Amino acid sequence: MRSNEERIRLMHERAAGLQRKKDSGRLITAGCISTALFAVLVTLTFYIQGLTGYCGNRFTASSLLSESVGGYVLVAVIFFMLGVLISVLLYRYQRKKRHRNDSDLDNKNGGCR
């Protein structure tokens, strides 16, 4: 027969295992989304290059001054915003996870550190 402390410990271990499983699923999802966004970026770059007829092997820096590179700038701005959004979401997720772990430690230690 198990004591209450053993049951509580096993319950916490089970909850931690389920949380790790959920976190790994989220990590795989984030990796898939990042890979898909990269593929879209490469595809859009080649598509816009085909529309404008731009050849990237010369005049690279000065080409941003011409009027036909609006698509490149638009793609760069969109993916910069997506990068910022993903960074903010991951930062908030880490902060929430850290806060949850701190509160779990408080619960295990009886409310004192």
PDB file of N, CA and C in Angstrom:
ATOM      1  N   MET A   1       0.842  -1.172   0.000  1.00  0.00           N
ATOM      2  CA  MET A   1       0.000   0.000   0.000  1.00  0.00           C
ATOM      3  C   MET A   1       0.889   1.238   0.000  1.00  0.00           C
ATOM      4  N   ARG A   2       0.571   2.179  -0.822  1.00  0.00           N
ATOM      5  CA  ARG A   2       1.377   3.391  -0.953  1.00  0.00           C
ATOM      6  C   ARG A   2       0.892   4.454   0.015  1.00  0.00           C
ATOM      7  N   SER A   3       1.848   5.261   0.439  1.00  0.00           N
ATOM      8  CA  SER A   3       1.486   6.375   1.316  1.00  0.00           C
ATOM      9  C   SER A   3       1.034   7.557   0.452  1.00  0.00           C
ATOM     10  N   ASN A   4       0.491   8.562   1.094  1.00  0.00           N
ATOM     11  CA  ASN A   4       0.022   9.749   0.369  1.00  0.00           C
ATOM     12  C   ASN A   4       1.174  10.459  -0.329  1.00  0.00           C
ATOM     13  N   GLU A   5       2.342  10.490   0.318  1.00  0.00           N
ATOM     14  CA  GLU A   5       3.498  11.153  -0.290  1.00  0.00           C
ATOM     15  C   GLU A   5       3.921  10.444  -1.583  1.00  0.00           C
ATOM     16  N   GLU A   6       3.895   9.116  -1.561  1.00  0.00           N
ATOM     17  CA  GLU A   6       4.248   8.362  -2.763  1.00  0.00           C
ATOM     18  C   GLU A   6       3.249   8.601  -3.881  1.00  0.00           C
ATOM     19  N   ARG A   7       1.957   8.634  -3.542  1.00  0.00           N
ATOM     20  CA  ARG A   7       0.925   8.905  -4.552  1.00  0.00           C
ATOM     21  C   ARG A   7       1.089  10.291  -5.156  1.00  0.00           C
ATOM     22  N   ILE A   8       1.355  11.267  -4.302  1.00  0.00           N
ATOM     23  CA  ILE A   8       1.535  12.642  -4.795  1.00  0.00           C
ATOM     24  C   ILE A   8       2.772  12.726  -5.671  1.00  0.00           C
ATOM     25  N   ARG A   9       3.866  12.073  -5.261  1.00  0.00           N
ATOM     26  CA  ARG A   9       5.088  12.078  -6.060  1.00  0.00           C
ATOM     27  C   ARG A   9       4.844  11.440  -7.421  1.00  0.00           C
ATOM     28  N   LEU A  10       4.150  10.306  -7.449  1.00  0.00           N
ATOM     29  CA  LEU A  10       3.840   9.638  -8.716  1.00  0.00           C
ATOM     30  C   LEU A  10       2.926  10.489  -9.593  1.00  0.00           C
ATOM     31  N   MET A  11       1.996  11.185  -8.964  1.00  0.00           N
ATOM     32  CA  MET A  11       1.104  12.067  -9.713  1.00  0.00           C
ATOM     33  C   MET A  11       1.896  13.210 -10.360  1.00  0.00           C
ATOM     34  N   HIS A  12       2.844  13.791  -9.605  1.00  0.00           N
ATOM     35  CA  HIS A  12       3.679  14.857 -10.151  1.00  0.00           C
ATOM     36  C   HIS A  12       4.579  14.341 -11.269  1.00  0.00           C
ATOM     37  N   GLU A  13       5.116  13.129 -11.117  1.00  0.00           N
ATOM     38  CA  GLU A  13       5.945  12.554 -12.174  1.00  0.00           C
ATOM     39  C   GLU A  13       5.131  12.315 -13.439  1.00  0.00           C
ATOM     40  N   ARG A  14       3.920  11.837 -13.282  1.00  0.00           N
ATOM     41  CA  ARG A  14       3.040  11.594 -14.434  1.00  0.00           C
ATOM     42  C   ARG A  14       2.695  12.907 -15.125  1.00  0.00           C
ATOM     43  N   ALA A  15       2.376  13.936 -14.324  1.00  0.00           N
ATOM     44  CA  ALA A  15       2.055  15.247 -14.894  1.00  0.00           C
ATOM     45  C   ALA A  15       3.262  15.829 -15.622  1.00  0.00           C
ATOM     46  N   ALA A  16       4.462  15.661 -15.063  1.00  0.00           N
ATOM     47  CA  ALA A  16       5.668  16.157 -15.717  1.00  0.00           C
ATOM     48  C   ALA A  16       5.912  15.414 -17.031  1.00  0.00           C
ATOM     49  N   GLY A  17       5.658  14.110 -17.053  1.00  0.00           N
ATOM     50  CA  GLY A  17       5.813  13.340 -18.287  1.00  0.00           C
ATOM     51  C   GLY A  17       4.842  13.789 -19.365  1.00  0.00           C
ATOM     52  N   LEU A  18       3.598  14.037 -18.971  1.00  0.00           N
ATOM     53  CA  LEU A  18       2.614  14.526 -19.941  1.00  0.00           C
ATOM     54  C   LEU A  18       2.998  15.900 -20.460  1.00  0.00           C
ATOM     55  N   GLN A  19       3.527  16.766 -19.581  1.00  0.00           N
ATOM     56  CA  GLN A  19       3.943  18.102 -20.003  1.00  0.00           C
ATOM     57  C   GLN A  19       5.124  18.020 -20.970  1.00  0.00           C
ATOM     58  N   ARG A  20       6.088  17.116 -20.704  1.00  0.00           N
ATOM     59  CA  ARG A  20       7.220  16.943 -21.624  1.00  0.00           C
ATOM     60  C   ARG A  20       6.731  16.472 -22.994  1.00  0.00           C
ATOM     61  N   LYS A  21       5.749  15.577 -23.000  1.00  0.00           N
ATOM     62  CA  LYS A  21       5.204  15.076 -24.262  1.00  0.00           C
ATOM     63  C   LYS A  21       4.526  16.209 -25.031  1.00  0.00           C
ATOM     64  N   LYS A  22       3.769  17.042 -24.335  1.00  0.00           N
ATOM     65  CA  LYS A  22       3.106  18.175 -24.975  1.00  0.00           C
ATOM     66  C   LYS A  22       4.140  19.172 -25.502  1.00  0.00           C
ATOM     67  N   ASP A  23       5.197  19.432 -24.718  1.00  0.00           N
ATOM     68  CA  ASP A  23       6.244  20.358 -25.144  1.00  0.00           C
ATOM     69  C   ASP A  23       6.982  19.851 -26.369  1.00  0.00           C
ATOM     70  N   SER A  24       7.245  18.543 -26.424  1.00  0.00           N
ATOM     71  CA  SER A  24       7.936  18.003 -27.597  1.00  0.00           C
ATOM     72  C   SER A  24       7.048  18.109 -28.837  1.00  0.00           C
ATOM     73  N   GLY A  25       5.752  17.925 -28.677  1.00  0.00           N
ATOM     74  CA  GLY A  25       4.830  18.100 -29.798  1.00  0.00           C
ATOM     75  C   GLY A  25       4.821  19.531 -30.299  1.00  0.00           C
ATOM     76  N   ARG A  26       4.855  20.477 -29.362  1.00  0.00           N
ATOM     77  CA  ARG A  26       4.901  21.892 -29.757  1.00  0.00           C
ATOM     78  C   ARG A  26       6.207  22.230 -30.455  1.00  0.00           C
ATOM     79  N   LEU A  27       7.305  21.641 -29.999  1.00  0.00           N
ATOM     80  CA  LEU A  27       8.593  21.880 -30.627  1.00  0.00           C
ATOM     81  C   LEU A  27       8.610  21.343 -32.052  1.00  0.00           C
ATOM     82  N   ILE A  28       8.043  20.169 -32.256  1.00  0.00           N
ATOM     83  CA  ILE A  28       7.966  19.597 -33.606  1.00  0.00           C
ATOM     84  C   ILE A  28       7.089  20.466 -34.492  1.00  0.00           C
ATOM     85  N   THR A  29       5.969  20.962 -33.943  1.00  0.00           N
ATOM     86  CA  THR A  29       5.089  21.843 -34.712  1.00  0.00           C
ATOM     87  C   THR A  29       5.798  23.134 -35.094  1.00  0.00           C
ATOM     88  N   ALA A  30       6.524  23.730 -34.141  1.00  0.00           N
ATOM     89  CA  ALA A  30       7.259  24.963 -34.433  1.00  0.00           C
ATOM     90  C   ALA A  30       8.326  24.724 -35.495  1.00  0.00           C
ATOM     91  N   GLY A  31       8.996  23.579 -35.444  1.00  0.00           N
ATOM     92  CA  GLY A  31       9.997  23.246 -36.457  1.00  0.00           C
ATOM     93  C   GLY A  31       9.383  23.084 -37.837  1.00  0.00           C
ATOM     94  N   CYS A  32       8.221  22.431 -37.900  1.00  0.00           N
ATOM     95  CA  CYS A  32       7.533  22.258 -39.186  1.00  0.00           C
ATOM     96  C   CYS A  32       7.079  23.598 -39.750  1.00  0.00           C
ATOM     97  N   ILE A  33       6.561  24.460 -38.892  1.00  0.00           N
ATOM     98  CA  ILE A  33       6.119  25.786 -39.346  1.00  0.00           C
ATOM     99  C   ILE A  33       7.308  26.587 -39.852  1.00  0.00           C
ATOM    100  N   SER A  34       8.425  26.542 -39.136  1.00  0.00           N
ATOM    101  CA  SER A  34       9.618  27.275 -39.562  1.00  0.00           C
ATOM    102  C   SER A  34      10.128  26.757 -40.897  1.00  0.00           C
ATOM    103  N   THR A  35      10.121  25.451 -41.083  1.00  0.00           N
ATOM    104  CA  THR A  35      10.561  24.870 -42.349  1.00  0.00           C
ATOM    105  C   THR A  35       9.633  25.278 -43.492  1.00  0.00           C
ATOM    106  N   ALA A  36       8.327  25.261 -43.222  1.00  0.00           N
ATOM    107  CA  ALA A  36       7.367  25.663 -44.256  1.00  0.00           C
ATOM    108  C   ALA A  36       7.537  27.136 -44.609  1.00  0.00           C
ATOM    109  N   LEU A  37       7.764  27.993 -43.612  1.00  0.00           N
ATOM    110  CA  LEU A  37       7.975  29.418 -43.894  1.00  0.00           C
ATOM    111  C   LEU A  37       9.246  29.639 -44.700  1.00  0.00           C
ATOM    112  N   PHE A  38      10.284  28.869 -44.402  1.00  0.00           N
ATOM    113  CA  PHE A  38      11.516  28.985 -45.184  1.00  0.00           C
ATOM    114  C   PHE A  38      11.280  28.577 -46.637  1.00  0.00           C
ATOM    115  N   ALA A  39      10.527  27.505 -46.833  1.00  0.00           N
ATOM    116  CA  ALA A  39      10.227  27.062 -48.192  1.00  0.00           C
ATOM    117  C   ALA A  39       9.417  28.122 -48.942  1.00  0.00           C
ATOM    118  N   VAL A  40       8.460  28.753 -48.249  1.00  0.00           N
ATOM    119  CA  VAL A  40       7.672  29.823 -48.872  1.00  0.00           C
ATOM    120  C   VAL A  40       8.574  31.001 -49.221  1.00  0.00           C
ATOM    121  N   LEU A  41       9.504  31.339 -48.338  1.00  0.00           N
ATOM    122  CA  LEU A  41      10.428  32.440 -48.602  1.00  0.00           C
ATOM    123  C   LEU A  41      11.263  32.175 -49.848  1.00  0.00           C
ATOM    124  N   VAL A  42      11.817  30.979 -49.937  1.00  0.00           N
ATOM    125  CA  VAL A  42      12.640  30.636 -51.108  1.00  0.00           C
ATOM    126  C   VAL A  42      11.782  30.644 -52.373  1.00  0.00           C
ATOM    127  N   THR A  43      10.582  30.091 -52.295  1.00  0.00           N
ATOM    128  CA  THR A  43       9.696  30.055 -53.460  1.00  0.00           C
ATOM    129  C   THR A  43       9.321  31.454 -53.909  1.00  0.00           C
ATOM    130  N   LEU A  44       8.949  32.315 -52.949  1.00  0.00           N
ATOM    131  CA  LEU A  44       8.593  33.688 -53.299  1.00  0.00           C
ATOM    132  C   LEU A  44       9.774  34.440 -53.890  1.00  0.00           C
ATOM    133  N   THR A  45      10.951  34.185 -53.366  1.00  0.00           N
ATOM    134  CA  THR A  45      12.137  34.868 -53.898  1.00  0.00           C
ATOM    135  C   THR A  45      12.365  34.493 -55.358  1.00  0.00           C
ATOM    136  N   PHE A  46      12.279  33.206 -55.672  1.00  0.00           N
ATOM    137  CA  PHE A  46      12.472  32.789 -57.061  1.00  0.00           C
ATOM    138  C   PHE A  46      11.324  33.251 -57.953  1.00  0.00           C
ATOM    139  N   TYR A  47      10.115  33.275 -57.423  1.00  0.00           N
ATOM    140  CA  TYR A  47       8.965  33.729 -58.202  1.00  0.00           C
ATOM    141  C   TYR A  47       9.093  35.209 -58.545  1.00  0.00           C
ATOM    142  N   ILE A  48       9.457  36.007 -57.553  1.00  0.00           N
ATOM    143  CA  ILE A  48       9.601  37.445 -57.803  1.00  0.00           C
ATOM    144  C   ILE A  48      10.787  37.702 -58.720  1.00  0.00           C
ATOM    145  N   GLN A  49      11.834  36.926 -58.564  1.00  0.00           N
ATOM    146  CA  GLN A  49      12.983  37.071 -59.450  1.00  0.00           C
ATOM    147  C   GLN A  49      12.571  36.785 -60.894  1.00  0.00           C
ATOM    148  N   GLY A  50      11.705  35.807 -61.101  1.00  0.00           N
ATOM    149  CA  GLY A  50      11.228  35.500 -62.453  1.00  0.00           C
ATOM    150  C   GLY A  50      10.345  36.602 -63.014  1.00  0.00           C
ATOM    151  N   LEU A  51       9.571  37.272 -62.158  1.00  0.00           N
ATOM    152  CA  LEU A  51       8.706  38.357 -62.626  1.00  0.00           C
ATOM    153  C   LEU A  51       9.495  39.589 -63.019  1.00  0.00           C
ATOM    154  N   THR A  52      10.506  39.925 -62.238  1.00  0.00           N
ATOM    155  CA  THR A  52      11.245  41.158 -62.493  1.00  0.00           C
ATOM    156  C   THR A  52      12.387  40.963 -63.464  1.00  0.00           C
ATOM    157  N   GLY A  53      12.807  39.723 -63.687  1.00  0.00           N
ATOM    158  CA  GLY A  53      13.928  39.480 -64.570  1.00  0.00           C
ATOM    159  C   GLY A  53      15.252  39.877 -63.947  1.00  0.00           C
ATOM    160  N   TYR A  54      15.275  40.009 -62.632  1.00  0.00           N
ATOM    161  CA  TYR A  54      16.481  40.425 -61.930  1.00  0.00           C
ATOM    162  C   TYR A  54      17.477  39.276 -61.880  1.00  0.00           C
ATOM    163  N   CYS A  55      18.699  39.554 -62.199  1.00  0.00           N
ATOM    164  CA  CYS A  55      19.770  38.570 -62.105  1.00  0.00           C
ATOM    165  C   CYS A  55      20.651  38.975 -60.930  1.00  0.00           C
ATOM    166  N   GLY A  56      20.763  38.141 -59.921  1.00  0.00           N
ATOM    167  CA  GLY A  56      21.408  38.516 -58.674  1.00  0.00           C
ATOM    168  C   GLY A  56      22.917  38.467 -58.667  1.00  0.00           C
ATOM    169  N   ASN A  57      23.565  38.261 -59.815  1.00  0.00           N
ATOM    170  CA  ASN A  57      25.015  38.111 -59.783  1.00  0.00           C
ATOM    171  C   ASN A  57      25.764  39.434 -59.945  1.00  0.00           C
ATOM    172  N   ARG A  58      25.065  40.536 -60.170  1.00  0.00           N
ATOM    173  CA  ARG A  58      25.758  41.826 -60.276  1.00  0.00           C
ATOM    174  C   ARG A  58      24.839  42.951 -59.804  1.00  0.00           C
ATOM    175  N   PHE A  59      25.436  44.030 -59.417  1.00  0.00           N
ATOM    176  CA  PHE A  59      24.717  45.216 -58.939  1.00  0.00           C
ATOM    177  C   PHE A  59      23.788  44.887 -57.770  1.00  0.00           C
ATOM    178  N   THR A  60      24.230  44.080 -56.854  1.00  0.00           N
ATOM    179  CA  THR A  60      23.352  43.612 -55.786  1.00  0.00           C
ATOM    180  C   THR A  60      22.929  44.737 -54.861  1.00  0.00           C
ATOM    181  N   ALA A  61      23.858  45.530 -54.383  1.00  0.00           N
ATOM    182  CA  ALA A  61      23.508  46.598 -53.441  1.00  0.00           C
ATOM    183  C   ALA A  61      22.747  47.720 -54.126  1.00  0.00           C
ATOM    184  N   SER A  62      23.142  48.084 -55.307  1.00  0.00           N
ATOM    185  CA  SER A  62      22.475  49.187 -55.985  1.00  0.00           C
ATOM    186  C   SER A  62      21.132  48.766 -56.573  1.00  0.00           C
ATOM    187  N   SER A  63      20.875  47.483 -56.663  1.00  0.00           N
ATOM    188  CA  SER A  63      19.608  47.041 -57.248  1.00  0.00           C
ATOM    189  C   SER A  63      18.432  47.370 -56.350  1.00  0.00           C
ATOM    190  N   LEU A  64      18.663  47.578 -55.062  1.00  0.00           N
ATOM    191  CA  LEU A  64      17.571  47.933 -54.162  1.00  0.00           C
ATOM    192  C   LEU A  64      17.068  49.345 -54.418  1.00  0.00           C
ATOM    193  N   LEU A  65      17.795  50.104 -55.227  1.00  0.00           N
ATOM    194  CA  LEU A  65      17.370  51.462 -55.538  1.00  0.00           C
ATOM    195  C   LEU A  65      16.452  51.511 -56.759  1.00  0.00           C
ATOM    196  N   SER A  66      16.387  50.447 -57.503  1.00  0.00           N
ATOM    197  CA  SER A  66      15.532  50.464 -58.685  1.00  0.00           C
ATOM    198  C   SER A  66      14.073  50.271 -58.278  1.00  0.00           C
ATOM    199  N   GLU A  67      13.179  50.547 -59.206  1.00  0.00           N
ATOM    200  CA  GLU A  67      11.750  50.495 -58.899  1.00  0.00           C
ATOM    201  C   GLU A  67      11.169  49.089 -58.999  1.00  0.00           C
ATOM    202  N   SER A  68      11.878  48.160 -59.561  1.00  0.00           N
ATOM    203  CA  SER A  68      11.313  46.837 -59.808  1.00  0.00           C
ATOM    204  C   SER A  68      11.572  45.837 -58.684  1.00  0.00           C
ATOM    205  N   VAL A  69      12.102  46.267 -57.566  1.00  0.00           N
ATOM    206  CA  VAL A  69      12.420  45.332 -56.494  1.00  0.00           C
ATOM    207  C   VAL A  69      11.462  45.460 -55.314  1.00  0.00           C
ATOM    208  N   GLY A  70      10.290  46.018 -55.542  1.00  0.00           N
ATOM    209  CA  GLY A  70       9.307  46.170 -54.474  1.00  0.00           C
ATOM    210  C   GLY A  70       8.893  44.839 -53.871  1.00  0.00           C
ATOM    211  N   GLY A  71       8.848  43.807 -54.694  1.00  0.00           N
ATOM    212  CA  GLY A  71       8.473  42.486 -54.208  1.00  0.00           C
ATOM    213  C   GLY A  71       9.480  41.934 -53.216  1.00  0.00           C
ATOM    214  N   TYR A  72      10.768  42.154 -53.496  1.00  0.00           N
ATOM    215  CA  TYR A  72      11.802  41.692 -52.566  1.00  0.00           C
ATOM    216  C   TYR A  72      11.664  42.387 -51.217  1.00  0.00           C
ATOM    217  N   VAL A  73      11.436  43.683 -51.267  1.00  0.00           N
ATOM    218  CA  VAL A  73      11.289  44.441 -50.026  1.00  0.00           C
ATOM    219  C   VAL A  73      10.048  43.970 -49.280  1.00  0.00           C
ATOM    220  N   LEU A  74       8.971  43.728 -49.982  1.00  0.00           N
ATOM    221  CA  LEU A  74       7.743  43.258 -49.352  1.00  0.00           C
ATOM    222  C   LEU A  74       7.952  41.891 -48.691  1.00  0.00           C
ATOM    223  N   VAL A  75       8.599  40.977 -49.390  1.00  0.00           N
ATOM    224  CA  VAL A  75       8.873  39.656 -48.819  1.00  0.00           C
ATOM    225  C   VAL A  75       9.775  39.787 -47.591  1.00  0.00           C
ATOM    226  N   ALA A  76      10.777  40.655 -47.658  1.00  0.00           N
ATOM    227  CA  ALA A  76      11.679  40.844 -46.521  1.00  0.00           C
ATOM    228  C   ALA A  76      10.931  41.394 -45.316  1.00  0.00           C
ATOM    229  N   VAL A  77      10.058  42.362 -45.524  1.00  0.00           N
ATOM    230  CA  VAL A  77       9.302  42.944 -44.416  1.00  0.00           C
ATOM    231  C   VAL A  77       8.350  41.914 -43.815  1.00  0.00           C
ATOM    232  N   ILE A  78       7.661  41.158 -44.659  1.00  0.00           N
ATOM    233  CA  ILE A  78       6.724  40.145 -44.161  1.00  0.00           C
ATOM    234  C   ILE A  78       7.454  39.104 -43.323  1.00  0.00           C
ATOM    235  N   PHE A  79       8.574  38.598 -43.807  1.00  0.00           N
ATOM    236  CA  PHE A  79       9.275  37.566 -43.058  1.00  0.00           C
ATOM    237  C   PHE A  79       9.998  38.122 -41.842  1.00  0.00           C
ATOM    238  N   PHE A  80      10.380  39.386 -41.863  1.00  0.00           N
ATOM    239  CA  PHE A  80      10.915  40.007 -40.649  1.00  0.00           C
ATOM    240  C   PHE A  80       9.833  40.056 -39.577  1.00  0.00           C
ATOM    241  N   MET A  81       8.619  40.467 -39.973  1.00  0.00           N
ATOM    242  CA  MET A  81       7.515  40.521 -39.007  1.00  0.00           C
ATOM    243  C   MET A  81       7.181  39.122 -38.490  1.00  0.00           C
ATOM    244  N   LEU A  82       7.195  38.117 -39.362  1.00  0.00           N
ATOM    245  CA  LEU A  82       6.950  36.744 -38.912  1.00  0.00           C
ATOM    246  C   LEU A  82       8.033  36.272 -37.942  1.00  0.00           C
ATOM    247  N   GLY A  83       9.273  36.631 -38.207  1.00  0.00           N
ATOM    248  CA  GLY A  83      10.364  36.276 -37.305  1.00  0.00           C
ATOM    249  C   GLY A  83      10.202  36.917 -35.938  1.00  0.00           C
ATOM    250  N   VAL A  84       9.810  38.191 -35.927  1.00  0.00           N
ATOM    251  CA  VAL A  84       9.573  38.873 -34.658  1.00  0.00           C
ATOM    252  C   VAL A  84       8.412  38.221 -33.916  1.00  0.00           C
ATOM    253  N   LEU A  85       7.336  37.901 -34.637  1.00  0.00           N
ATOM    254  CA  LEU A  85       6.175  37.267 -34.018  1.00  0.00           C
ATOM    255  C   LEU A  85       6.537  35.916 -33.405  1.00  0.00           C
ATOM    256  N   ILE A  86       7.284  35.098 -34.137  1.00  0.00           N
ATOM    257  CA  ILE A  86       7.696  33.797 -33.619  1.00  0.00           C
ATOM    258  C   ILE A  86       8.602  33.970 -32.404  1.00  0.00           C
ATOM    259  N   SER A  87       9.517  34.940 -32.451  1.00  0.00           N
ATOM    260  CA  SER A  87      10.402  35.177 -31.308  1.00  0.00           C
ATOM    261  C   SER A  87       9.620  35.582 -30.071  1.00  0.00           C
ATOM    262  N   VAL A  88       8.649  36.473 -30.236  1.00  0.00           N
ATOM    263  CA  VAL A  88       7.843  36.921 -29.102  1.00  0.00           C
ATOM    264  C   VAL A  88       7.030  35.765 -28.532  1.00  0.00           C
ATOM    265  N   LEU A  89       6.434  34.961 -29.397  1.00  0.00           N
ATOM    266  CA  LEU A  89       5.650  33.824 -28.922  1.00  0.00           C
ATOM    267  C   LEU A  89       6.514  32.811 -28.168  1.00  0.00           C
ATOM    268  N   LEU A  90       7.702  32.522 -28.686  1.00  0.00           N
ATOM    269  CA  LEU A  90       8.590  31.586 -27.999  1.00  0.00           C
ATOM    270  C   LEU A  90       9.082  32.157 -26.675  1.00  0.00           C
ATOM    271  N   TYR A  91       9.337  33.470 -26.615  1.00  0.00           N
ATOM    272  CA  TYR A  91       9.752  34.102 -25.369  1.00  0.00           C
ATOM    273  C   TYR A  91       8.645  34.007 -24.330  1.00  0.00           C
ATOM    274  N   ARG A  92       7.419  34.305 -24.735  1.00  0.00           N
ATOM    275  CA  ARG A  92       6.292  34.207 -23.800  1.00  0.00           C
ATOM    276  C   ARG A  92       6.082  32.773 -23.343  1.00  0.00           C
ATOM    277  N   TYR A  93       6.247  31.823 -24.246  1.00  0.00           N
ATOM    278  CA  TYR A  93       6.086  30.412 -23.895  1.00  0.00           C
ATOM    279  C   TYR A  93       7.136  29.996 -22.871  1.00  0.00           C
ATOM    280  N   GLN A  94       8.399  30.400 -23.100  1.00  0.00           N
ATOM    281  CA  GLN A  94       9.464  30.062 -22.155  1.00  0.00           C
ATOM    282  C   GLN A  94       9.207  30.696 -20.794  1.00  0.00           C
ATOM    283  N   ARG A  95       8.758  31.951 -20.788  1.00  0.00           N
ATOM    284  CA  ARG A  95       8.487  32.642 -19.526  1.00  0.00           C
ATOM    285  C   ARG A  95       7.347  31.953 -18.780  1.00  0.00           C
ATOM    286  N   LYS A  96       6.309  31.555 -19.501  1.00  0.00           N
ATOM    287  CA  LYS A  96       5.176  30.847 -18.894  1.00  0.00           C
ATOM    288  C   LYS A  96       5.624  29.495 -18.345  1.00  0.00           C
ATOM    289  N   LYS A  97       6.465  28.790 -19.108  1.00  0.00           N
ATOM    290  CA  LYS A  97       6.968  27.493 -18.676  1.00  0.00           C
ATOM    291  C   LYS A  97       7.836  27.651 -17.427  1.00  0.00           C
ATOM    292  N   ARG A  98       8.686  28.675 -17.400  1.00  0.00           N
ATOM    293  CA  ARG A  98       9.540  28.914 -16.245  1.00  0.00           C
ATOM    294  C   ARG A  98       8.695  29.250 -15.018  1.00  0.00           C
ATOM    295  N   HIS A  99       7.650  30.057 -15.215  1.00  0.00           N
ATOM    296  CA  HIS A  99       6.762  30.414 -14.109  1.00  0.00           C
ATOM    297  C   HIS A  99       6.033  29.179 -13.589  1.00  0.00           C
ATOM    298  N   ARG A 100       5.604  28.311 -14.494  1.00  0.00           N
ATOM    299  CA  ARG A 100       4.914  27.088 -14.105  1.00  0.00           C
ATOM    300  C   ARG A 100       5.855  26.168 -13.323  1.00  0.00           C
ATOM    301  N   ASN A 101       7.118  26.070 -13.760  1.00  0.00           N
ATOM    302  CA  ASN A 101       8.088  25.234 -13.052  1.00  0.00           C
ATOM    303  C   ASN A 101       8.389  25.799 -11.668  1.00  0.00           C
ATOM    304  N   ASP A 102       8.471  27.124 -11.549  1.00  0.00           N
ATOM    305  CA  ASP A 102       8.702  27.740 -10.249  1.00  0.00           C
ATOM    306  C   ASP A 102       7.544  27.469  -9.301  1.00  0.00           C
ATOM    307  N   SER A 103       6.313  27.557  -9.818  1.00  0.00           N
ATOM    308  CA  SER A 103       5.171  27.291  -8.948  1.00  0.00           C
ATOM    309  C   SER A 103       5.101  25.811  -8.571  1.00  0.00           C
ATOM    310  N   ASP A 104       5.531  24.911  -9.452  1.00  0.00           N
ATOM    311  CA  ASP A 104       5.584  23.487  -9.114  1.00  0.00           C
ATOM    312  C   ASP A 104       6.594  23.235  -8.003  1.00  0.00           C
ATOM    313  N   LEU A 105       7.744  23.920  -8.084  1.00  0.00           N
ATOM    314  CA  LEU A 105       8.746  23.764  -7.032  1.00  0.00           C
ATOM    315  C   LEU A 105       8.203  24.281  -5.698  1.00  0.00           C
ATOM    316  N   ASP A 106       7.466  25.387  -5.738  1.00  0.00           N
ATOM    317  CA  ASP A 106       6.866  25.916  -4.511  1.00  0.00           C
ATOM    318  C   ASP A 106       5.880  24.912  -3.920  1.00  0.00           C
ATOM    319  N   ASN A 107       5.093  24.270  -4.775  1.00  0.00           N
ATOM    320  CA  ASN A 107       4.121  23.291  -4.296  1.00  0.00           C
ATOM    321  C   ASN A 107       4.814  22.065  -3.695  1.00  0.00           C
ATOM    322  N   LYS A 108       5.902  21.627  -4.318  1.00  0.00           N
ATOM    323  CA  LYS A 108       6.628  20.453  -3.821  1.00  0.00           C
ATOM    324  C   LYS A 108       7.316  20.754  -2.503  1.00  0.00           C
ATOM    325  N   ASN A 109       7.805  21.984  -2.359  1.00  0.00           N
ATOM    326  CA  ASN A 109       8.529  22.344  -1.141  1.00  0.00           C
ATOM    327  C   ASN A 109       7.635  22.859  -0.045  1.00  0.00           C
ATOM    328  N   GLY A 110       6.377  22.810  -0.239  1.00  0.00           N
ATOM    329  CA  GLY A 110       5.455  23.255   0.796  1.00  0.00           C
ATOM    330  C   GLY A 110       5.294  24.757   0.864  1.00  0.00           C
ATOM    331  N   GLY A 111       5.588  25.450  -0.231  1.00  0.00           N
ATOM    332  CA  GLY A 111       5.376  26.891  -0.289  1.00  0.00           C
ATOM    333  C   GLY A 111       6.585  27.703   0.129  1.00  0.00           C
ATOM    334  N   CYS A 112       7.687  27.076   0.514  1.00  0.00           N
ATOM    335  CA  CYS A 112       8.880  27.849   0.878  1.00  0.00           C
ATOM    336  C   CYS A 112      10.080  27.310   0.119  1.00  0.00           C
ATOM    337  N   ARG A 113      10.991  28.213  -0.148  1.00  0.00           N
ATOM    338  CA  ARG A 113      12.189  27.835  -0.884  1.00  0.00           C
ATOM    339  C   ARG A 113      13.365  27.708   0.012  1.00  0.00           C
TER     340      ARG A 113
END
